[in-house]
């Protein structure tokens, strides 16, 4: 890395107001994320009996989001106190990164599953089943856990959640590509194709016009939420990598470090916003919530 010789990337300090924002956001995300995800777990395991492909994917998404949420109080404490990278920190790092990556890819799997069901309904019977969805999710969990443990075990950083400057540039780009670029490309492609297919049905005066319009709006909403949450973090990491590579000034490096910190908080908020996905994507989830509401009001 050609970082400017008059400063060290690892020693750059966050602005105090950014540290306050980070601490506050993680605690707010923890509160609402815990509430929403506990509710989702209760609905899926106590109120919904039928297993479908979507239910398998969304349950895995709930678990991934819930585990991320569980790390946030410890993460906020470790970051605020600038804790050293001890065993507790390594465990929290592993839990956070593993479940964030799994969450991102489960969202991609849901979009692929929806694409196959709508774009290729005849082939859907061959490619889609609850068992195949469970096997795919299991393979994802195992792959991400192994990759994350190997990478985190070899990290050389003094402080918790601190960037490891010894990581080769090619490995950093490789990680950025597979964690952000690939899922984003999948989601954009599948969503646009499904929307295009649904809009064609609108032009044929389909009797289910309102349902199709609602489905289009749901897909737009899920895509926008994903982009808002993860695109800033992706661009921040990419810009920071470029600046470190070309030897930018300390001021620019510090600005990018602060920007990356805030965008990581925004990306983590996806664990709350995924609740939109639970409610709109899963028909059984909506029905179970409506029945629960009726029971409590009668």
C-alpha atoms as a PDB file:
ATOM      1  CA  UNK A   1       0.000   0.000   0.000  1.00  0.00           C
ATOM      2  CA  UNK A   2       1.280   3.438  -0.941  1.00  0.00           C
ATOM      3  CA  UNK A   3      -0.214   5.240   2.059  1.00  0.00           C
ATOM      4  CA  UNK A   4       1.137   8.691   2.768  1.00  0.00           C
ATOM      5  CA  UNK A   5       4.266   8.420   4.873  1.00  0.00           C
ATOM      6  CA  UNK A   6       3.287  11.136   7.354  1.00  0.00           C
ATOM      7  CA  UNK A   7       0.389   9.166   8.843  1.00  0.00           C
ATOM      8  CA  UNK A   8      -0.709   5.622   9.583  1.00  0.00           C
ATOM      9  CA  UNK A   9      -4.101   4.349   8.439  1.00  0.00           C
ATOM     10  CA  UNK A  10      -4.548   2.350  11.631  1.00  0.00           C
ATOM     11  CA  UNK A  11      -3.833   5.367  13.856  1.00  0.00           C
ATOM     12  CA  UNK A  12      -6.308   7.730  12.213  1.00  0.00           C
ATOM     13  CA  UNK A  13      -8.904   8.847  14.755  1.00  0.00           C
ATOM     14  CA  UNK A  14     -12.634   9.041  14.188  1.00  0.00           C
ATOM     15  CA  UNK A  15     -14.239  12.416  14.747  1.00  0.00           C
ATOM     16  CA  UNK A  16     -15.909  12.575  18.171  1.00  0.00           C
ATOM     17  CA  UNK A  17     -19.359  13.296  16.722  1.00  0.00           C
ATOM     18  CA  UNK A  18     -18.974  10.315  14.371  1.00  0.00           C
ATOM     19  CA  UNK A  19     -18.177   8.080  17.356  1.00  0.00           C
ATOM     20  CA  UNK A  20     -21.321   9.368  19.081  1.00  0.00           C
ATOM     21  CA  UNK A  21     -23.415   8.729  15.966  1.00  0.00           C
ATOM     22  CA  UNK A  22     -21.967   5.226  15.632  1.00  0.00           C
ATOM     23  CA  UNK A  23     -22.660   4.374  19.290  1.00  0.00           C
ATOM     24  CA  UNK A  24     -26.209   5.777  19.139  1.00  0.00           C
ATOM     25  CA  UNK A  25     -27.090   4.095  15.829  1.00  0.00           C
ATOM     26  CA  UNK A  26     -25.933   0.643  16.945  1.00  0.00           C
ATOM     27  CA  UNK A  27     -28.057   0.900  20.097  1.00  0.00           C
ATOM     28  CA  UNK A  28     -31.113   2.114  18.155  1.00  0.00           C
ATOM     29  CA  UNK A  29     -30.666  -0.672  15.586  1.00  0.00           C
ATOM     30  CA  UNK A  30     -30.312  -3.185  18.424  1.00  0.00           C
ATOM     31  CA  UNK A  31     -33.574  -2.088  20.058  1.00  0.00           C
ATOM     32  CA  UNK A  32     -35.746  -2.156  16.939  1.00  0.00           C
ATOM     33  CA  UNK A  33     -33.917  -5.097  15.373  1.00  0.00           C
ATOM     34  CA  UNK A  34     -34.377  -7.257  18.471  1.00  0.00           C
ATOM     35  CA  UNK A  35     -38.074  -6.343  18.622  1.00  0.00           C
ATOM     36  CA  UNK A  36     -38.775  -7.061  14.956  1.00  0.00           C
ATOM     37  CA  UNK A  37     -36.710 -10.245  14.734  1.00  0.00           C
ATOM     38  CA  UNK A  38     -38.096 -11.787  17.929  1.00  0.00           C
ATOM     39  CA  UNK A  39     -41.591 -11.108  16.563  1.00  0.00           C
ATOM     40  CA  UNK A  40     -40.598 -12.720  13.243  1.00  0.00           C
ATOM     41  CA  UNK A  41     -39.178 -15.816  14.984  1.00  0.00           C
ATOM     42  CA  UNK A  42     -42.341 -16.163  17.056  1.00  0.00           C
ATOM     43  CA  UNK A  43     -44.580 -15.926  13.976  1.00  0.00           C
ATOM     44  CA  UNK A  44     -42.559 -18.354  11.869  1.00  0.00           C
ATOM     45  CA  UNK A  45     -42.216 -21.037  14.545  1.00  0.00           C
ATOM     46  CA  UNK A  46     -45.517 -20.673  16.396  1.00  0.00           C
ATOM     47  CA  UNK A  47     -48.041 -19.450  13.837  1.00  0.00           C
ATOM     48  CA  UNK A  48     -46.929 -20.796  10.454  1.00  0.00           C
ATOM     49  CA  UNK A  49     -47.108 -24.551   9.857  1.00  0.00           C
ATOM     50  CA  UNK A  50     -46.600 -24.929   6.100  1.00  0.00           C
ATOM     51  CA  UNK A  51     -43.022 -25.162   4.807  1.00  0.00           C
ATOM     52  CA  UNK A  52     -42.335 -23.402   1.506  1.00  0.00           C
ATOM     53  CA  UNK A  53     -39.158 -22.318  -0.284  1.00  0.00           C
ATOM     54  CA  UNK A  54     -39.756 -18.719   0.732  1.00  0.00           C
ATOM     55  CA  UNK A  55     -40.273 -19.681   4.371  1.00  0.00           C
ATOM     56  CA  UNK A  56     -36.974 -21.594   4.421  1.00  0.00           C
ATOM     57  CA  UNK A  57     -35.068 -18.614   2.999  1.00  0.00           C
ATOM     58  CA  UNK A  58     -36.759 -16.053   5.231  1.00  0.00           C
ATOM     59  CA  UNK A  59     -36.201 -18.107   8.414  1.00  0.00           C
ATOM     60  CA  UNK A  60     -32.498 -18.267   7.570  1.00  0.00           C
ATOM     61  CA  UNK A  61     -32.579 -14.511   6.955  1.00  0.00           C
ATOM     62  CA  UNK A  62     -34.250 -13.955  10.348  1.00  0.00           C
ATOM     63  CA  UNK A  63     -31.582 -15.999  12.124  1.00  0.00           C
ATOM     64  CA  UNK A  64     -28.741 -14.200  10.344  1.00  0.00           C
ATOM     65  CA  UNK A  65     -30.243 -10.797  11.178  1.00  0.00           C
ATOM     66  CA  UNK A  66     -30.946 -11.826  14.764  1.00  0.00           C
ATOM     67  CA  UNK A  67     -27.332 -12.951  15.329  1.00  0.00           C
ATOM     68  CA  UNK A  68     -26.070  -9.646  13.903  1.00  0.00           C
ATOM     69  CA  UNK A  69     -28.420  -7.778  16.246  1.00  0.00           C
ATOM     70  CA  UNK A  70     -27.120  -9.787  19.216  1.00  0.00           C
ATOM     71  CA  UNK A  71     -23.561  -8.618  18.541  1.00  0.00           C
ATOM     72  CA  UNK A  72     -24.408  -4.897  18.468  1.00  0.00           C
ATOM     73  CA  UNK A  73     -24.294  -4.056  22.222  1.00  0.00           C
ATOM     74  CA  UNK A  74     -20.872  -5.719  22.571  1.00  0.00           C
ATOM     75  CA  UNK A  75     -19.735  -4.201  19.275  1.00  0.00           C
ATOM     76  CA  UNK A  76     -20.787  -0.694  20.367  1.00  0.00           C
ATOM     77  CA  UNK A  77     -18.987  -1.151  23.713  1.00  0.00           C
ATOM     78  CA  UNK A  78     -15.776  -2.477  22.116  1.00  0.00           C
ATOM     79  CA  UNK A  79     -15.665   0.292  19.512  1.00  0.00           C
ATOM     80  CA  UNK A  80     -16.448   3.062  22.013  1.00  0.00           C
ATOM     81  CA  UNK A  81     -13.691   1.900  24.384  1.00  0.00           C
ATOM     82  CA  UNK A  82     -11.208   1.181  21.569  1.00  0.00           C
ATOM     83  CA  UNK A  83     -10.729  -2.322  22.948  1.00  0.00           C
ATOM     84  CA  UNK A  84      -7.820  -4.518  21.981  1.00  0.00           C
ATOM     85  CA  UNK A  85      -8.458  -7.478  19.706  1.00  0.00           C
ATOM     86  CA  UNK A  86      -8.797 -10.173  22.372  1.00  0.00           C
ATOM     87  CA  UNK A  87     -10.814 -13.410  22.288  1.00  0.00           C
ATOM     88  CA  UNK A  88     -14.145 -11.643  22.934  1.00  0.00           C
ATOM     89  CA  UNK A  89     -13.469  -9.184  20.121  1.00  0.00           C
ATOM     90  CA  UNK A  90     -12.546 -11.972  17.681  1.00  0.00           C
ATOM     91  CA  UNK A  91     -15.772 -13.822  18.532  1.00  0.00           C
ATOM     92  CA  UNK A  92     -17.898 -10.678  18.031  1.00  0.00           C
ATOM     93  CA  UNK A  93     -16.082  -9.903  14.760  1.00  0.00           C
ATOM     94  CA  UNK A  94     -16.736 -13.434  13.486  1.00  0.00           C
ATOM     95  CA  UNK A  95     -20.420 -13.351  14.501  1.00  0.00           C
ATOM     96  CA  UNK A  96     -20.949  -9.964  12.876  1.00  0.00           C
ATOM     97  CA  UNK A  97     -19.209 -10.619   9.563  1.00  0.00           C
ATOM     98  CA  UNK A  98     -20.505 -14.181   9.121  1.00  0.00           C
ATOM     99  CA  UNK A  99     -24.131 -13.229   9.632  1.00  0.00           C
ATOM    100  CA  UNK A 100     -23.923 -10.005   7.609  1.00  0.00           C
ATOM    101  CA  UNK A 101     -22.595 -11.940   4.610  1.00  0.00           C
ATOM    102  CA  UNK A 102     -25.191 -14.710   5.050  1.00  0.00           C
ATOM    103  CA  UNK A 103     -27.946 -12.078   5.278  1.00  0.00           C
ATOM    104  CA  UNK A 104     -26.792 -10.424   2.045  1.00  0.00           C
ATOM    105  CA  UNK A 105     -26.697 -13.735   0.156  1.00  0.00           C
ATOM    106  CA  UNK A 106     -30.050 -14.963   1.506  1.00  0.00           C
ATOM    107  CA  UNK A 107     -31.627 -11.800   0.082  1.00  0.00           C
ATOM    108  CA  UNK A 108     -29.989 -12.734  -3.242  1.00  0.00           C
ATOM    109  CA  UNK A 109     -31.381 -16.292  -2.981  1.00  0.00           C
ATOM    110  CA  UNK A 110     -34.890 -14.926  -2.399  1.00  0.00           C
ATOM    111  CA  UNK A 111     -34.607 -12.775  -5.531  1.00  0.00           C
ATOM    112  CA  UNK A 112     -33.309 -15.750  -7.580  1.00  0.00           C
ATOM    113  CA  UNK A 113     -36.126 -17.969  -6.268  1.00  0.00           C
ATOM    114  CA  UNK A 114     -38.710 -15.319  -7.169  1.00  0.00           C
ATOM    115  CA  UNK A 115     -37.108 -14.909 -10.629  1.00  0.00           C
ATOM    116  CA  UNK A 116     -37.312 -18.657 -11.339  1.00  0.00           C
ATOM    117  CA  UNK A 117     -40.911 -18.909 -10.078  1.00  0.00           C
ATOM    118  CA  UNK A 118     -42.179 -15.986 -12.190  1.00  0.00           C
ATOM    119  CA  UNK A 119     -39.897 -16.027 -15.234  1.00  0.00           C
ATOM    120  CA  UNK A 120     -39.653 -19.838 -15.648  1.00  0.00           C
ATOM    121  CA  UNK A 121     -42.770 -21.324 -13.986  1.00  0.00           C
ATOM    122  CA  UNK A 122     -42.478 -24.675 -15.783  1.00  0.00           C
ATOM    123  CA  UNK A 123     -38.858 -25.204 -14.714  1.00  0.00           C
ATOM    124  CA  UNK A 124     -39.654 -24.000 -11.195  1.00  0.00           C
ATOM    125  CA  UNK A 125     -40.957 -27.424 -10.169  1.00  0.00           C
ATOM    126  CA  UNK A 126     -37.559 -28.929 -10.947  1.00  0.00           C
ATOM    127  CA  UNK A 127     -35.365 -26.249  -9.393  1.00  0.00           C
ATOM    128  CA  UNK A 128     -37.518 -25.223  -6.428  1.00  0.00           C
ATOM    129  CA  UNK A 129     -38.433 -27.175  -3.298  1.00  0.00           C
ATOM    130  CA  UNK A 130     -38.165 -26.553   0.467  1.00  0.00           C
ATOM    131  CA  UNK A 131     -35.508 -29.283   0.735  1.00  0.00           C
ATOM    132  CA  UNK A 132     -33.349 -27.759  -2.012  1.00  0.00           C
ATOM    133  CA  UNK A 133     -33.717 -24.338  -0.402  1.00  0.00           C
ATOM    134  CA  UNK A 134     -32.602 -25.778   2.960  1.00  0.00           C
ATOM    135  CA  UNK A 135     -29.587 -27.520   1.383  1.00  0.00           C
ATOM    136  CA  UNK A 136     -28.554 -24.311  -0.402  1.00  0.00           C
ATOM    137  CA  UNK A 137     -28.818 -22.315   2.829  1.00  0.00           C
ATOM    138  CA  UNK A 138     -26.850 -24.972   4.720  1.00  0.00           C
ATOM    139  CA  UNK A 139     -24.087 -24.868   2.105  1.00  0.00           C
ATOM    140  CA  UNK A 140     -24.019 -21.071   2.357  1.00  0.00           C
ATOM    141  CA  UNK A 141     -23.681 -21.123   6.158  1.00  0.00           C
ATOM    142  CA  UNK A 142     -20.858 -23.682   6.082  1.00  0.00           C
ATOM    143  CA  UNK A 143     -18.953 -21.864   3.296  1.00  0.00           C
ATOM    144  CA  UNK A 144     -19.211 -18.434   4.918  1.00  0.00           C
ATOM    145  CA  UNK A 145     -18.278 -19.723   8.383  1.00  0.00           C
ATOM    146  CA  UNK A 146     -15.158 -21.505   7.081  1.00  0.00           C
ATOM    147  CA  UNK A 147     -14.081 -18.525   4.929  1.00  0.00           C
ATOM    148  CA  UNK A 148     -14.691 -15.989   7.725  1.00  0.00           C
ATOM    149  CA  UNK A 149     -12.866 -18.011  10.386  1.00  0.00           C
ATOM    150  CA  UNK A 150      -9.843 -18.499   8.126  1.00  0.00           C
ATOM    151  CA  UNK A 151      -9.745 -14.797   7.237  1.00  0.00           C
ATOM    152  CA  UNK A 152     -10.352 -13.450  10.755  1.00  0.00           C
ATOM    153  CA  UNK A 153      -7.878 -15.887  12.292  1.00  0.00           C
ATOM    154  CA  UNK A 154      -5.112 -14.501  10.077  1.00  0.00           C
ATOM    155  CA  UNK A 155      -5.941 -10.847  10.767  1.00  0.00           C
ATOM    156  CA  UNK A 156      -3.245  -8.669  12.295  1.00  0.00           C
ATOM    157  CA  UNK A 157      -4.902  -5.681  13.959  1.00  0.00           C
ATOM    158  CA  UNK A 158      -4.268  -4.134  17.357  1.00  0.00           C
ATOM    159  CA  UNK A 159      -7.804  -2.863  18.006  1.00  0.00           C
ATOM    160  CA  UNK A 160     -11.226  -4.441  17.652  1.00  0.00           C
ATOM    161  CA  UNK A 161     -12.832  -4.017  14.198  1.00  0.00           C
ATOM    162  CA  UNK A 162      -9.702  -2.222  13.015  1.00  0.00           C
ATOM    163  CA  UNK A 163      -8.642  -2.535   9.378  1.00  0.00           C
ATOM    164  CA  UNK A 164      -5.810  -4.982   8.763  1.00  0.00           C
ATOM    165  CA  UNK A 165      -3.256  -3.122   6.613  1.00  0.00           C
ATOM    166  CA  UNK A 166      -1.247  -6.300   5.975  1.00  0.00           C
ATOM    167  CA  UNK A 167      -3.994  -7.799   3.772  1.00  0.00           C
ATOM    168  CA  UNK A 168      -2.905  -7.888   0.097  1.00  0.00           C
ATOM    169  CA  UNK A 169      -4.741  -5.524  -2.239  1.00  0.00           C
ATOM    170  CA  UNK A 170      -5.971  -8.380  -4.431  1.00  0.00           C
ATOM    171  CA  UNK A 171      -7.590 -10.107  -1.434  1.00  0.00           C
ATOM    172  CA  UNK A 172      -9.339  -6.883  -0.407  1.00  0.00           C
ATOM    173  CA  UNK A 173     -10.752  -6.427  -3.915  1.00  0.00           C
ATOM    174  CA  UNK A 174     -11.734 -10.106  -4.008  1.00  0.00           C
ATOM    175  CA  UNK A 175     -13.682  -9.721  -0.750  1.00  0.00           C
ATOM    176  CA  UNK A 176     -15.414  -6.526  -1.887  1.00  0.00           C
ATOM    177  CA  UNK A 177     -16.375  -8.178  -5.196  1.00  0.00           C
ATOM    178  CA  UNK A 178     -17.960 -11.293  -3.672  1.00  0.00           C
ATOM    179  CA  UNK A 179     -19.548  -9.668  -0.613  1.00  0.00           C
ATOM    180  CA  UNK A 180     -21.127  -6.669  -2.389  1.00  0.00           C
ATOM    181  CA  UNK A 181     -20.801  -6.683  -6.181  1.00  0.00           C
ATOM    182  CA  UNK A 182     -22.070 -10.210  -6.895  1.00  0.00           C
ATOM    183  CA  UNK A 183     -25.190 -10.055  -4.638  1.00  0.00           C
ATOM    184  CA  UNK A 184     -26.030  -6.543  -5.868  1.00  0.00           C
ATOM    185  CA  UNK A 185     -25.745  -7.645  -9.507  1.00  0.00           C
ATOM    186  CA  UNK A 186     -27.939 -10.696  -8.816  1.00  0.00           C
ATOM    187  CA  UNK A 187     -30.580  -8.628  -7.065  1.00  0.00           C
ATOM    188  CA  UNK A 188     -30.689  -5.934  -9.762  1.00  0.00           C
ATOM    189  CA  UNK A 189     -30.861  -8.472 -12.614  1.00  0.00           C
ATOM    190  CA  UNK A 190     -33.525 -10.699 -11.028  1.00  0.00           C
ATOM    191  CA  UNK A 191     -35.628  -7.772  -9.815  1.00  0.00           C
ATOM    192  CA  UNK A 192     -35.619  -5.951 -13.178  1.00  0.00           C
ATOM    193  CA  UNK A 193     -36.455  -9.150 -15.068  1.00  0.00           C
ATOM    194  CA  UNK A 194     -39.329 -10.005 -12.716  1.00  0.00           C
ATOM    195  CA  UNK A 195     -40.677  -6.446 -12.874  1.00  0.00           C
ATOM    196  CA  UNK A 196     -40.474  -6.484 -16.682  1.00  0.00           C
ATOM    197  CA  UNK A 197     -42.330  -9.797 -16.794  1.00  0.00           C
ATOM    198  CA  UNK A 198     -45.028  -8.615 -14.400  1.00  0.00           C
ATOM    199  CA  UNK A 199     -45.521  -5.348 -16.314  1.00  0.00           C
ATOM    200  CA  UNK A 200     -46.080  -7.341 -19.498  1.00  0.00           C
ATOM    201  CA  UNK A 201     -48.978  -9.061 -17.715  1.00  0.00           C
ATOM    202  CA  UNK A 202     -50.372  -5.646 -16.787  1.00  0.00           C
ATOM    203  CA  UNK A 203     -50.487  -4.723 -20.466  1.00  0.00           C
ATOM    204  CA  UNK A 204     -52.638  -7.787 -21.206  1.00  0.00           C
ATOM    205  CA  UNK A 205     -55.496  -6.546 -18.948  1.00  0.00           C
ATOM    206  CA  UNK A 206     -54.973  -9.364 -16.475  1.00  0.00           C
ATOM    207  CA  UNK A 207     -57.858  -9.849 -13.978  1.00  0.00           C
ATOM    208  CA  UNK A 208     -55.241  -9.778 -11.190  1.00  0.00           C
ATOM    209  CA  UNK A 209     -54.058  -6.279 -12.094  1.00  0.00           C
ATOM    210  CA  UNK A 210     -54.034  -4.965  -8.510  1.00  0.00           C
ATOM    211  CA  UNK A 211     -52.097  -7.970  -7.218  1.00  0.00           C
ATOM    212  CA  UNK A 212     -49.507  -7.597  -9.978  1.00  0.00           C
ATOM    213  CA  UNK A 213     -49.093  -3.875  -9.277  1.00  0.00           C
ATOM    214  CA  UNK A 214     -48.621  -4.640  -5.584  1.00  0.00           C
ATOM    215  CA  UNK A 215     -46.003  -7.285  -6.406  1.00  0.00           C
ATOM    216  CA  UNK A 216     -44.113  -4.770  -8.584  1.00  0.00           C
ATOM    217  CA  UNK A 217     -44.135  -2.200  -5.779  1.00  0.00           C
ATOM    218  CA  UNK A 218     -42.872  -4.798  -3.274  1.00  0.00           C
ATOM    219  CA  UNK A 219     -39.947  -5.740  -5.534  1.00  0.00           C
ATOM    220  CA  UNK A 220     -39.092  -2.072  -6.049  1.00  0.00           C
ATOM    221  CA  UNK A 221     -39.198  -1.507  -2.277  1.00  0.00           C
ATOM    222  CA  UNK A 222     -36.918  -4.466  -1.523  1.00  0.00           C
ATOM    223  CA  UNK A 223     -34.428  -3.400  -4.195  1.00  0.00           C
ATOM    224  CA  UNK A 224     -34.375   0.218  -2.992  1.00  0.00           C
ATOM    225  CA  UNK A 225     -33.885  -0.846   0.655  1.00  0.00           C
ATOM    226  CA  UNK A 226     -30.968  -3.093  -0.311  1.00  0.00           C
ATOM    227  CA  UNK A 227     -29.315  -0.376  -2.411  1.00  0.00           C
ATOM    228  CA  UNK A 228     -29.783   2.307   0.266  1.00  0.00           C
ATOM    229  CA  UNK A 229     -28.293   0.048   2.947  1.00  0.00           C
ATOM    230  CA  UNK A 230     -25.363  -1.530   1.134  1.00  0.00           C
ATOM    231  CA  UNK A 231     -24.362   0.666  -1.806  1.00  0.00           C
ATOM    232  CA  UNK A 232     -22.901   3.494   0.378  1.00  0.00           C
ATOM    233  CA  UNK A 233     -20.830   0.950   2.335  1.00  0.00           C
ATOM    234  CA  UNK A 234     -19.631  -0.648  -0.904  1.00  0.00           C
ATOM    235  CA  UNK A 235     -18.652   2.708  -2.432  1.00  0.00           C
ATOM    236  CA  UNK A 236     -16.999   3.766   0.844  1.00  0.00           C
ATOM    237  CA  UNK A 237     -14.845   0.641   0.982  1.00  0.00           C
ATOM    238  CA  UNK A 238     -13.916   0.990  -2.680  1.00  0.00           C
ATOM    239  CA  UNK A 239     -13.029   4.695  -2.342  1.00  0.00           C
ATOM    240  CA  UNK A 240     -11.022   4.048   0.822  1.00  0.00           C
ATOM    241  CA  UNK A 241      -9.123   1.238  -0.896  1.00  0.00           C
ATOM    242  CA  UNK A 242      -8.294   3.496  -3.871  1.00  0.00           C
ATOM    243  CA  UNK A 243      -7.149   6.358  -1.639  1.00  0.00           C
ATOM    244  CA  UNK A 244      -4.921   4.095   0.422  1.00  0.00           C
ATOM    245  CA  UNK A 245      -3.470   2.610  -2.764  1.00  0.00           C
ATOM    246  CA  UNK A 246      -2.574   5.949  -4.373  1.00  0.00           C
ATOM    247  CA  UNK A 247      -1.222   7.490  -1.165  1.00  0.00           C
ATOM    248  CA  UNK A 248      -3.881  10.109  -0.421  1.00  0.00           C
ATOM    249  CA  UNK A 249      -3.374  12.804   2.224  1.00  0.00           C
ATOM    250  CA  UNK A 250      -4.088  12.110   5.891  1.00  0.00           C
ATOM    251  CA  UNK A 251      -7.117  14.396   5.787  1.00  0.00           C
ATOM    252  CA  UNK A 252      -8.746  12.463   2.929  1.00  0.00           C
ATOM    253  CA  UNK A 253      -7.958   9.130   4.563  1.00  0.00           C
ATOM    254  CA  UNK A 254      -9.500  10.315   7.810  1.00  0.00           C
ATOM    255  CA  UNK A 255     -12.614  11.570   6.015  1.00  0.00           C
ATOM    256  CA  UNK A 256     -13.001   8.206   4.262  1.00  0.00           C
ATOM    257  CA  UNK A 257     -12.519   6.320   7.540  1.00  0.00           C
ATOM    258  CA  UNK A 258     -15.311   8.370   9.132  1.00  0.00           C
ATOM    259  CA  UNK A 259     -17.513   7.919   6.058  1.00  0.00           C
ATOM    260  CA  UNK A 260     -16.931   4.135   6.083  1.00  0.00           C
ATOM    261  CA  UNK A 261     -17.845   3.994   9.772  1.00  0.00           C
ATOM    262  CA  UNK A 262     -21.205   5.695   9.198  1.00  0.00           C
ATOM    263  CA  UNK A 263     -21.999   3.597   6.115  1.00  0.00           C
ATOM    264  CA  UNK A 264     -21.279   0.413   8.100  1.00  0.00           C
ATOM    265  CA  UNK A 265     -23.986   1.524  10.542  1.00  0.00           C
ATOM    266  CA  UNK A 266     -26.363   2.101   7.621  1.00  0.00           C
ATOM    267  CA  UNK A 267     -25.571  -1.348   6.232  1.00  0.00           C
ATOM    268  CA  UNK A 268     -26.252  -2.911   9.649  1.00  0.00           C
ATOM    269  CA  UNK A 269     -29.675  -1.211   9.752  1.00  0.00           C
ATOM    270  CA  UNK A 270     -30.703  -3.633   6.996  1.00  0.00           C
ATOM    271  CA  UNK A 271     -31.241  -6.170   9.791  1.00  0.00           C
ATOM    272  CA  UNK A 272     -34.232  -4.032  10.853  1.00  0.00           C
ATOM    273  CA  UNK A 273     -35.427  -3.165   7.361  1.00  0.00           C
ATOM    274  CA  UNK A 274     -35.491  -6.848   6.362  1.00  0.00           C
ATOM    275  CA  UNK A 275     -38.740  -6.927   8.332  1.00  0.00           C
ATOM    276  CA  UNK A 276     -40.285  -5.335   5.242  1.00  0.00           C
ATOM    277  CA  UNK A 277     -39.190  -8.435   3.359  1.00  0.00           C
ATOM    278  CA  UNK A 278     -40.732 -10.756   5.987  1.00  0.00           C
ATOM    279  CA  UNK A 279     -44.079  -8.995   5.820  1.00  0.00           C
ATOM    280  CA  UNK A 280     -44.455  -8.420   2.089  1.00  0.00           C
ATOM    281  CA  UNK A 281     -42.615 -11.379   0.551  1.00  0.00           C
ATOM    282  CA  UNK A 282     -44.086 -14.066   2.799  1.00  0.00           C
ATOM    283  CA  UNK A 283     -47.834 -14.396   2.386  1.00  0.00           C
ATOM    284  CA  UNK A 284     -48.078 -16.756   5.377  1.00  0.00           C
ATOM    285  CA  UNK A 285     -46.365 -14.162   7.588  1.00  0.00           C
ATOM    286  CA  UNK A 286     -48.991 -11.512   6.767  1.00  0.00           C
ATOM    287  CA  UNK A 287     -51.845 -13.959   7.371  1.00  0.00           C
ATOM    288  CA  UNK A 288     -50.388 -15.094  10.711  1.00  0.00           C
ATOM    289  CA  UNK A 289     -49.955 -11.496  11.899  1.00  0.00           C
ATOM    290  CA  UNK A 290     -53.514 -10.634  10.855  1.00  0.00           C
ATOM    291  CA  UNK A 291     -54.913 -13.661  12.725  1.00  0.00           C
ATOM    292  CA  UNK A 292     -52.856 -12.758  15.811  1.00  0.00           C
ATOM    293  CA  UNK A 293     -54.135  -9.177  15.678  1.00  0.00           C
ATOM    294  CA  UNK A 294     -57.735 -10.376  15.362  1.00  0.00           C
ATOM    295  CA  UNK A 295     -57.292 -12.714  18.344  1.00  0.00           C
ATOM    296  CA  UNK A 296     -55.886  -9.932  20.529  1.00  0.00           C
ATOM    297  CA  UNK A 297     -58.643  -7.462  19.666  1.00  0.00           C
ATOM    298  CA  UNK A 298     -61.613  -9.809  20.198  1.00  0.00           C
END
